[in-house]
Amino acid sequence: MANRGNNVDPMLTTNEVAHLLNVHINTVRRWSNQSILKAYRIGSRGDRRFRQEDINRFLTNEDKGEDSQSGGNPYLIPITNSKDDTDKTGR
């Protein structure tokens, strides 16, 4: 039966979130345990699921509202490609 009128966004698995954030799956689990990432536990095994909105908020750090190169998120490291970042050999 079709799920009409119920606009529920699909939930992301721990593995999918790890790929999106480019971190190890155990890091996602640890951040979930530390409430850094909001997770929803489902099923009898207590599998974690994550909302895309929550992951986006983590990436943009809307919750903290801090200004810095990483958006105030201490878990994100900004990457720059300026010439000043190269070593003396020009690499």
C-alpha atoms as a PDB file:
ATOM      1  CA  MET A   1       0.000   0.000   0.000  1.00  0.00           C
ATOM      2  CA  ALA A   2       1.336   3.430  -0.916  1.00  0.00           C
ATOM      3  CA  ASN A   3       2.280   5.849   1.818  1.00  0.00           C
ATOM      4  CA  ARG A   4       0.217   8.820   0.634  1.00  0.00           C
ATOM      5  CA  GLY A   5       0.253  12.148   2.393  1.00  0.00           C
ATOM      6  CA  ASN A   6       3.103  11.141   4.676  1.00  0.00           C
ATOM      7  CA  ASN A   7       6.238  12.977   3.559  1.00  0.00           C
ATOM      8  CA  VAL A   8       8.799  11.106   5.640  1.00  0.00           C
ATOM      9  CA  ASP A   9      12.366  11.592   4.458  1.00  0.00           C
ATOM     10  CA  PRO A  10      14.451   8.418   4.276  1.00  0.00           C
ATOM     11  CA  MET A  11      16.831   7.905   7.165  1.00  0.00           C
ATOM     12  CA  LEU A  12      20.565   7.451   6.657  1.00  0.00           C
ATOM     13  CA  THR A  13      22.451   4.461   8.021  1.00  0.00           C
ATOM     14  CA  THR A  14      25.631   4.752  10.064  1.00  0.00           C
ATOM     15  CA  ASN A  15      27.628   3.618   7.038  1.00  0.00           C
ATOM     16  CA  GLU A  16      26.020   6.240   4.779  1.00  0.00           C
ATOM     17  CA  VAL A  17      26.763   9.002   7.294  1.00  0.00           C
ATOM     18  CA  ALA A  18      30.372   7.819   7.592  1.00  0.00           C
ATOM     19  CA  HIS A  19      30.752   8.105   3.823  1.00  0.00           C
ATOM     20  CA  LEU A  20      29.114  11.561   3.744  1.00  0.00           C
ATOM     21  CA  LEU A  21      31.394  12.876   6.498  1.00  0.00           C
ATOM     22  CA  ASN A  22      34.446  10.983   5.256  1.00  0.00           C
ATOM     23  CA  VAL A  23      35.089   9.434   8.666  1.00  0.00           C
ATOM     24  CA  HIS A  24      35.261   5.875   9.956  1.00  0.00           C
ATOM     25  CA  ILE A  25      31.978   4.215  10.902  1.00  0.00           C
ATOM     26  CA  ASN A  26      33.182   3.907  14.508  1.00  0.00           C
ATOM     27  CA  THR A  27      33.633   7.693  14.611  1.00  0.00           C
ATOM     28  CA  VAL A  28      29.974   8.110  13.650  1.00  0.00           C
ATOM     29  CA  ARG A  29      29.004   5.658  16.415  1.00  0.00           C
ATOM     30  CA  ARG A  30      31.167   7.501  18.959  1.00  0.00           C
ATOM     31  CA  TRP A  31      29.756  10.898  17.948  1.00  0.00           C
ATOM     32  CA  SER A  32      26.272   9.432  18.272  1.00  0.00           C
ATOM     33  CA  ASN A  33      27.073   8.101  21.758  1.00  0.00           C
ATOM     34  CA  GLN A  34      28.467  11.516  22.730  1.00  0.00           C
ATOM     35  CA  SER A  35      25.365  13.275  21.307  1.00  0.00           C
ATOM     36  CA  ILE A  36      27.514  15.141  18.789  1.00  0.00           C
ATOM     37  CA  LEU A  37      25.345  13.622  16.054  1.00  0.00           C
ATOM     38  CA  LYS A  38      21.673  13.043  16.708  1.00  0.00           C
ATOM     39  CA  ALA A  39      20.696   9.442  16.033  1.00  0.00           C
ATOM     40  CA  TYR A  40      17.436   7.563  16.204  1.00  0.00           C
ATOM     41  CA  ARG A  41      17.501   3.955  17.419  1.00  0.00           C
ATOM     42  CA  ILE A  42      15.192   1.598  15.539  1.00  0.00           C
ATOM     43  CA  GLY A  43      14.267  -2.060  15.665  1.00  0.00           C
ATOM     44  CA  SER A  44      15.007  -4.672  18.294  1.00  0.00           C
ATOM     45  CA  ARG A  45      18.768  -4.407  17.655  1.00  0.00           C
ATOM     46  CA  GLY A  46      18.750  -0.646  18.206  1.00  0.00           C
ATOM     47  CA  ASP A  47      20.261   0.196  14.830  1.00  0.00           C
ATOM     48  CA  ARG A  48      21.109   3.865  14.419  1.00  0.00           C
ATOM     49  CA  ARG A  49      19.484   6.037  11.780  1.00  0.00           C
ATOM     50  CA  PHE A  50      20.209   9.661  11.041  1.00  0.00           C
ATOM     51  CA  ARG A  51      18.151  12.409   9.432  1.00  0.00           C
ATOM     52  CA  GLN A  52      19.764  14.235   6.507  1.00  0.00           C
ATOM     53  CA  GLU A  53      18.729  17.528   8.121  1.00  0.00           C
ATOM     54  CA  ASP A  54      20.698  16.672  11.258  1.00  0.00           C
ATOM     55  CA  ILE A  55      23.792  15.813   9.236  1.00  0.00           C
ATOM     56  CA  ASN A  56      23.492  19.067   7.276  1.00  0.00           C
ATOM     57  CA  ARG A  57      23.141  20.977  10.561  1.00  0.00           C
ATOM     58  CA  PHE A  58      26.272  19.250  11.863  1.00  0.00           C
ATOM     59  CA  LEU A  59      28.178  20.255   8.733  1.00  0.00           C
ATOM     60  CA  THR A  60      27.075  23.878   8.863  1.00  0.00           C
ATOM     61  CA  ASN A  61      27.058  23.952  12.665  1.00  0.00           C
ATOM     62  CA  GLU A  62      23.781  25.859  12.851  1.00  0.00           C
ATOM     63  CA  ASP A  63      23.283  24.705  16.429  1.00  0.00           C
ATOM     64  CA  LYS A  64      26.353  26.535  17.750  1.00  0.00           C
ATOM     65  CA  GLY A  65      26.150  29.685  15.637  1.00  0.00           C
ATOM     66  CA  GLU A  66      29.889  30.260  16.000  1.00  0.00           C
ATOM     67  CA  ASP A  67      32.021  31.944  13.352  1.00  0.00           C
ATOM     68  CA  SER A  68      35.343  30.431  12.354  1.00  0.00           C
ATOM     69  CA  GLN A  69      36.944  28.850   9.319  1.00  0.00           C
ATOM     70  CA  SER A  70      35.270  25.521  10.089  1.00  0.00           C
ATOM     71  CA  GLY A  71      31.910  27.114  10.867  1.00  0.00           C
ATOM     72  CA  GLY A  72      32.596  26.716  14.579  1.00  0.00           C
ATOM     73  CA  ASN A  73      32.538  22.938  14.363  1.00  0.00           C
ATOM     74  CA  PRO A  74      35.619  21.572  16.163  1.00  0.00           C
ATOM     75  CA  TYR A  75      35.329  18.292  14.256  1.00  0.00           C
ATOM     76  CA  LEU A  76      35.767  19.886  10.841  1.00  0.00           C
ATOM     77  CA  ILE A  77      39.154  21.016   9.598  1.00  0.00           C
ATOM     78  CA  PRO A  78      39.161  23.617   6.823  1.00  0.00           C
ATOM     79  CA  ILE A  79      41.202  22.759   3.740  1.00  0.00           C
ATOM     80  CA  THR A  80      42.881  25.521   1.800  1.00  0.00           C
ATOM     81  CA  ASN A  81      44.674  25.368  -1.530  1.00  0.00           C
ATOM     82  CA  SER A  82      46.699  28.548  -1.359  1.00  0.00           C
ATOM     83  CA  LYS A  83      50.331  28.799  -2.472  1.00  0.00           C
ATOM     84  CA  ASP A  84      51.322  29.542   1.127  1.00  0.00           C
ATOM     85  CA  ASP A  85      50.381  25.972   2.061  1.00  0.00           C
ATOM     86  CA  THR A  86      53.003  24.388  -0.206  1.00  0.00           C
ATOM     87  CA  ASP A  87      56.409  23.472   1.130  1.00  0.00           C
ATOM     88  CA  LYS A  88      59.692  25.069   0.045  1.00  0.00           C
ATOM     89  CA  THR A  89      60.114  22.622  -2.862  1.00  0.00           C
ATOM     90  CA  GLY A  90      56.923  23.911  -4.495  1.00  0.00           C
ATOM     91  CA  ARG A  91      54.915  20.749  -3.948  1.00  0.00           C
END
